[in-house]
Amino acid sequence: MRSHSFEHQASEVLAVLGNPFRIRLVMTLWAQEACVCHLEALLKKRQAYISQHLMALRELNLLETRRDGKYIYYRLANEEIIDLIKKAGLIAGFDQEKLPRKQDIQVLDKCICPNCDGDGSAASVLQQESELIENQ
């Protein structure tokens, strides 16, 4: 059973954010709601790896989800988590002028998943892959 003390709950949030990839994931979800296949395309990691990190963030209610058919879309439950991450960066000595800004975070309108592709044809998937590479 989880403790409900302030110290324990705060340490759980800080611990889950103690992973650089999770911070990158949270920052990505700050810029847009995304399904795992979008996150795969943006973050260049495998679905299983991303899903493990999403689960850790969801367990602490840092993320919310919505289902659209078989796809689950993730978004931040509370954008104040971004302030915490930025403050941690400042405490660590990161330059205030170089802090991430929402408008500078890469977003993806479409990826190569069947949900974005529409017809799911191999030719269409290859076309979207080449467009993704060109736009990066």
C-alpha atoms as a PDB file:
ATOM      1  CA  MET A   1       0.000   0.000   0.000  1.00  0.00           C
ATOM      2  CA  ARG A   2       1.306   3.448  -0.892  1.00  0.00           C
ATOM      3  CA  SER A   3       2.015   5.955   1.817  1.00  0.00           C
ATOM      4  CA  HIS A   4       0.044   9.167   1.626  1.00  0.00           C
ATOM      5  CA  SER A   5       2.604  11.380   3.350  1.00  0.00           C
ATOM      6  CA  PHE A   6       3.700  14.512   1.552  1.00  0.00           C
ATOM      7  CA  GLU A   7       7.302  13.370   1.541  1.00  0.00           C
ATOM      8  CA  HIS A   8       6.511   9.996   0.022  1.00  0.00           C
ATOM      9  CA  GLN A   9       4.200  11.308  -2.684  1.00  0.00           C
ATOM     10  CA  ALA A  10       6.583  14.122  -3.651  1.00  0.00           C
ATOM     11  CA  SER A  11       9.496  11.676  -3.783  1.00  0.00           C
ATOM     12  CA  GLU A  12       7.515   9.354  -6.081  1.00  0.00           C
ATOM     13  CA  VAL A  13       6.956  12.185  -8.573  1.00  0.00           C
ATOM     14  CA  LEU A  14      10.591  13.236  -8.419  1.00  0.00           C
ATOM     15  CA  ALA A  15      11.745   9.631  -8.766  1.00  0.00           C
ATOM     16  CA  VAL A  16       9.638   8.955 -11.856  1.00  0.00           C
ATOM     17  CA  LEU A  17      10.937  12.185 -13.390  1.00  0.00           C
ATOM     18  CA  GLY A  18      14.503  11.162 -12.551  1.00  0.00           C
ATOM     19  CA  ASN A  19      14.820   9.504 -15.945  1.00  0.00           C
ATOM     20  CA  PRO A  20      15.912  11.703 -18.890  1.00  0.00           C
ATOM     21  CA  PHE A  21      13.741   9.802 -21.369  1.00  0.00           C
ATOM     22  CA  ARG A  22      10.647  10.321 -19.207  1.00  0.00           C
ATOM     23  CA  ILE A  23      11.368  14.039 -19.112  1.00  0.00           C
ATOM     24  CA  ARG A  24      11.685  14.009 -22.904  1.00  0.00           C
ATOM     25  CA  LEU A  25       8.402  12.102 -23.124  1.00  0.00           C
ATOM     26  CA  VAL A  26       6.628  14.572 -20.830  1.00  0.00           C
ATOM     27  CA  MET A  27       7.987  17.506 -22.835  1.00  0.00           C
ATOM     28  CA  THR A  28       6.748  15.885 -26.053  1.00  0.00           C
ATOM     29  CA  LEU A  29       3.287  15.425 -24.550  1.00  0.00           C
ATOM     30  CA  TRP A  30       3.323  19.061 -23.443  1.00  0.00           C
ATOM     31  CA  ALA A  31       3.402  20.033 -27.108  1.00  0.00           C
ATOM     32  CA  GLN A  32       0.721  17.611 -28.299  1.00  0.00           C
ATOM     33  CA  GLU A  33      -1.541  14.749 -27.386  1.00  0.00           C
ATOM     34  CA  ALA A  34      -0.146  11.615 -29.022  1.00  0.00           C
ATOM     35  CA  CYS A  35      -0.653   7.894 -29.483  1.00  0.00           C
ATOM     36  CA  VAL A  36       2.251   5.485 -29.016  1.00  0.00           C
ATOM     37  CA  CYS A  37       2.875   5.234 -32.758  1.00  0.00           C
ATOM     38  CA  HIS A  38       3.251   9.033 -32.947  1.00  0.00           C
ATOM     39  CA  LEU A  39       5.639   8.891 -29.998  1.00  0.00           C
ATOM     40  CA  GLU A  40       7.634   6.145 -31.738  1.00  0.00           C
ATOM     41  CA  ALA A  41       8.051   8.344 -34.806  1.00  0.00           C
ATOM     42  CA  LEU A  42       8.953  11.440 -32.777  1.00  0.00           C
ATOM     43  CA  LEU A  43      11.234   9.859 -30.183  1.00  0.00           C
ATOM     44  CA  LYS A  44      12.804   7.110 -32.339  1.00  0.00           C
ATOM     45  CA  LYS A  45      12.267   4.412 -29.709  1.00  0.00           C
ATOM     46  CA  ARG A  46      10.438   1.088 -29.801  1.00  0.00           C
ATOM     47  CA  GLN A  47       6.808   0.810 -28.715  1.00  0.00           C
ATOM     48  CA  ALA A  48       7.624  -1.472 -25.764  1.00  0.00           C
ATOM     49  CA  TYR A  49      10.204   0.971 -24.396  1.00  0.00           C
ATOM     50  CA  ILE A  50       7.833   3.937 -24.706  1.00  0.00           C
ATOM     51  CA  SER A  51       4.938   1.990 -23.180  1.00  0.00           C
ATOM     52  CA  GLN A  52       6.987   1.120 -20.079  1.00  0.00           C
ATOM     53  CA  HIS A  53       7.706   4.781 -19.458  1.00  0.00           C
ATOM     54  CA  LEU A  54       4.124   5.820 -20.165  1.00  0.00           C
ATOM     55  CA  MET A  55       2.945   3.279 -17.590  1.00  0.00           C
ATOM     56  CA  ALA A  56       5.250   4.715 -14.912  1.00  0.00           C
ATOM     57  CA  LEU A  57       3.941   8.226 -15.612  1.00  0.00           C
ATOM     58  CA  ARG A  58       0.319   7.045 -15.647  1.00  0.00           C
ATOM     59  CA  GLU A  59       0.677   5.221 -12.326  1.00  0.00           C
ATOM     60  CA  LEU A  60       1.348   8.583 -10.672  1.00  0.00           C
ATOM     61  CA  ASN A  61      -1.513  10.246 -12.550  1.00  0.00           C
ATOM     62  CA  LEU A  62       0.851  12.507 -14.463  1.00  0.00           C
ATOM     63  CA  LEU A  63      -0.817  11.525 -17.737  1.00  0.00           C
ATOM     64  CA  GLU A  64      -4.400  11.241 -18.912  1.00  0.00           C
ATOM     65  CA  THR A  65      -5.621   9.082 -21.750  1.00  0.00           C
ATOM     66  CA  ARG A  66      -8.440   8.959 -24.207  1.00  0.00           C
ATOM     67  CA  ARG A  67      -9.379   6.044 -26.411  1.00  0.00           C
ATOM     68  CA  ASP A  68     -10.261   6.403 -30.071  1.00  0.00           C
ATOM     69  CA  GLY A  69     -11.060   2.926 -31.391  1.00  0.00           C
ATOM     70  CA  LYS A  70      -8.022   0.761 -30.703  1.00  0.00           C
ATOM     71  CA  TYR A  71      -5.717   3.773 -30.230  1.00  0.00           C
ATOM     72  CA  ILE A  72      -4.982   5.371 -26.878  1.00  0.00           C
ATOM     73  CA  TYR A  73      -3.914   9.005 -26.868  1.00  0.00           C
ATOM     74  CA  TYR A  74      -1.793  10.417 -24.058  1.00  0.00           C
ATOM     75  CA  ARG A  75      -1.656  13.964 -22.712  1.00  0.00           C
ATOM     76  CA  LEU A  76      -0.417  15.684 -19.578  1.00  0.00           C
ATOM     77  CA  ALA A  77      -2.829  15.555 -16.670  1.00  0.00           C
ATOM     78  CA  ASN A  78      -1.467  18.819 -15.305  1.00  0.00           C
ATOM     79  CA  GLU A  79       0.875  21.182 -17.134  1.00  0.00           C
ATOM     80  CA  GLU A  80       2.388  22.296 -13.818  1.00  0.00           C
ATOM     81  CA  ILE A  81       4.713  19.306 -14.196  1.00  0.00           C
ATOM     82  CA  ILE A  82       6.493  21.350 -16.881  1.00  0.00           C
ATOM     83  CA  ASP A  83       7.195  24.099 -14.327  1.00  0.00           C
ATOM     84  CA  LEU A  84       8.699  21.491 -12.003  1.00  0.00           C
ATOM     85  CA  ILE A  85      10.940  20.155 -14.776  1.00  0.00           C
ATOM     86  CA  LYS A  86      12.038  23.667 -15.762  1.00  0.00           C
ATOM     87  CA  LYS A  87      12.756  24.601 -12.147  1.00  0.00           C
ATOM     88  CA  ALA A  88      14.831  21.439 -11.766  1.00  0.00           C
ATOM     89  CA  GLY A  89      16.825  22.501 -14.821  1.00  0.00           C
ATOM     90  CA  LEU A  90      17.399  25.950 -13.362  1.00  0.00           C
ATOM     91  CA  ILE A  91      18.471  24.508 -10.004  1.00  0.00           C
ATOM     92  CA  ALA A  92      20.922  22.271 -11.881  1.00  0.00           C
ATOM     93  CA  GLY A  93      22.413  25.376 -13.518  1.00  0.00           C
ATOM     94  CA  PHE A  94      20.735  25.273 -16.924  1.00  0.00           C
ATOM     95  CA  ASP A  95      20.595  28.671 -18.636  1.00  0.00           C
ATOM     96  CA  GLN A  96      17.152  30.308 -18.319  1.00  0.00           C
ATOM     97  CA  GLU A  97      17.330  31.476 -21.940  1.00  0.00           C
ATOM     98  CA  LYS A  98      17.798  27.900 -23.160  1.00  0.00           C
ATOM     99  CA  LEU A  99      14.849  26.329 -21.338  1.00  0.00           C
ATOM    100  CA  PRO A 100      12.529  24.388 -23.650  1.00  0.00           C
ATOM    101  CA  ARG A 101       9.593  26.310 -25.078  1.00  0.00           C
ATOM    102  CA  LYS A 102       6.387  24.613 -26.145  1.00  0.00           C
ATOM    103  CA  GLN A 103       6.508  26.067 -29.651  1.00  0.00           C
ATOM    104  CA  ASP A 104      10.025  24.656 -30.187  1.00  0.00           C
ATOM    105  CA  ILE A 105       9.080  21.055 -29.423  1.00  0.00           C
ATOM    106  CA  GLN A 106       8.710  18.875 -32.506  1.00  0.00           C
ATOM    107  CA  VAL A 107       5.157  17.743 -33.193  1.00  0.00           C
ATOM    108  CA  LEU A 108       3.806  15.268 -35.694  1.00  0.00           C
ATOM    109  CA  ASP A 109       0.615  15.768 -37.679  1.00  0.00           C
ATOM    110  CA  LYS A 110       0.708  12.309 -39.203  1.00  0.00           C
ATOM    111  CA  CYS A 111       2.809   9.233 -38.724  1.00  0.00           C
ATOM    112  CA  ILE A 112       2.957   5.933 -40.573  1.00  0.00           C
ATOM    113  CA  CYS A 113       0.317   4.223 -38.456  1.00  0.00           C
ATOM    114  CA  PRO A 114      -2.891   2.981 -40.083  1.00  0.00           C
ATOM    115  CA  ASN A 115      -4.826   5.570 -38.076  1.00  0.00           C
ATOM    116  CA  CYS A 116      -2.981   8.403 -39.836  1.00  0.00           C
ATOM    117  CA  ASP A 117      -2.430   6.628 -43.126  1.00  0.00           C
ATOM    118  CA  GLY A 118      -6.072   6.017 -43.865  1.00  0.00           C
ATOM    119  CA  ASP A 119      -5.757   3.180 -46.384  1.00  0.00           C
ATOM    120  CA  GLY A 120      -2.776   1.414 -44.791  1.00  0.00           C
ATOM    121  CA  SER A 121      -1.218   0.623 -48.173  1.00  0.00           C
ATOM    122  CA  ALA A 122       2.526  -0.004 -48.344  1.00  0.00           C
ATOM    123  CA  ALA A 123       2.962   2.736 -50.978  1.00  0.00           C
ATOM    124  CA  SER A 124       1.225   5.266 -48.767  1.00  0.00           C
ATOM    125  CA  VAL A 125       3.325   4.227 -45.751  1.00  0.00           C
ATOM    126  CA  LEU A 126       6.552   4.609 -47.755  1.00  0.00           C
ATOM    127  CA  GLN A 127       5.415   8.034 -48.965  1.00  0.00           C
ATOM    128  CA  GLN A 128       4.725   9.159 -45.395  1.00  0.00           C
ATOM    129  CA  GLU A 129       8.110   7.806 -44.218  1.00  0.00           C
ATOM    130  CA  SER A 130       9.926   9.782 -46.897  1.00  0.00           C
ATOM    131  CA  GLU A 131       7.935  12.921 -46.023  1.00  0.00           C
ATOM    132  CA  LEU A 132       8.837  12.432 -42.362  1.00  0.00           C
ATOM    133  CA  ILE A 133      12.540  12.208 -43.209  1.00  0.00           C
ATOM    134  CA  GLU A 134      12.369  15.293 -45.441  1.00  0.00           C
ATOM    135  CA  ASN A 135      10.621  17.363 -42.759  1.00  0.00           C
ATOM    136  CA  GLN A 136      13.148  16.607 -40.035  1.00  0.00           C
END
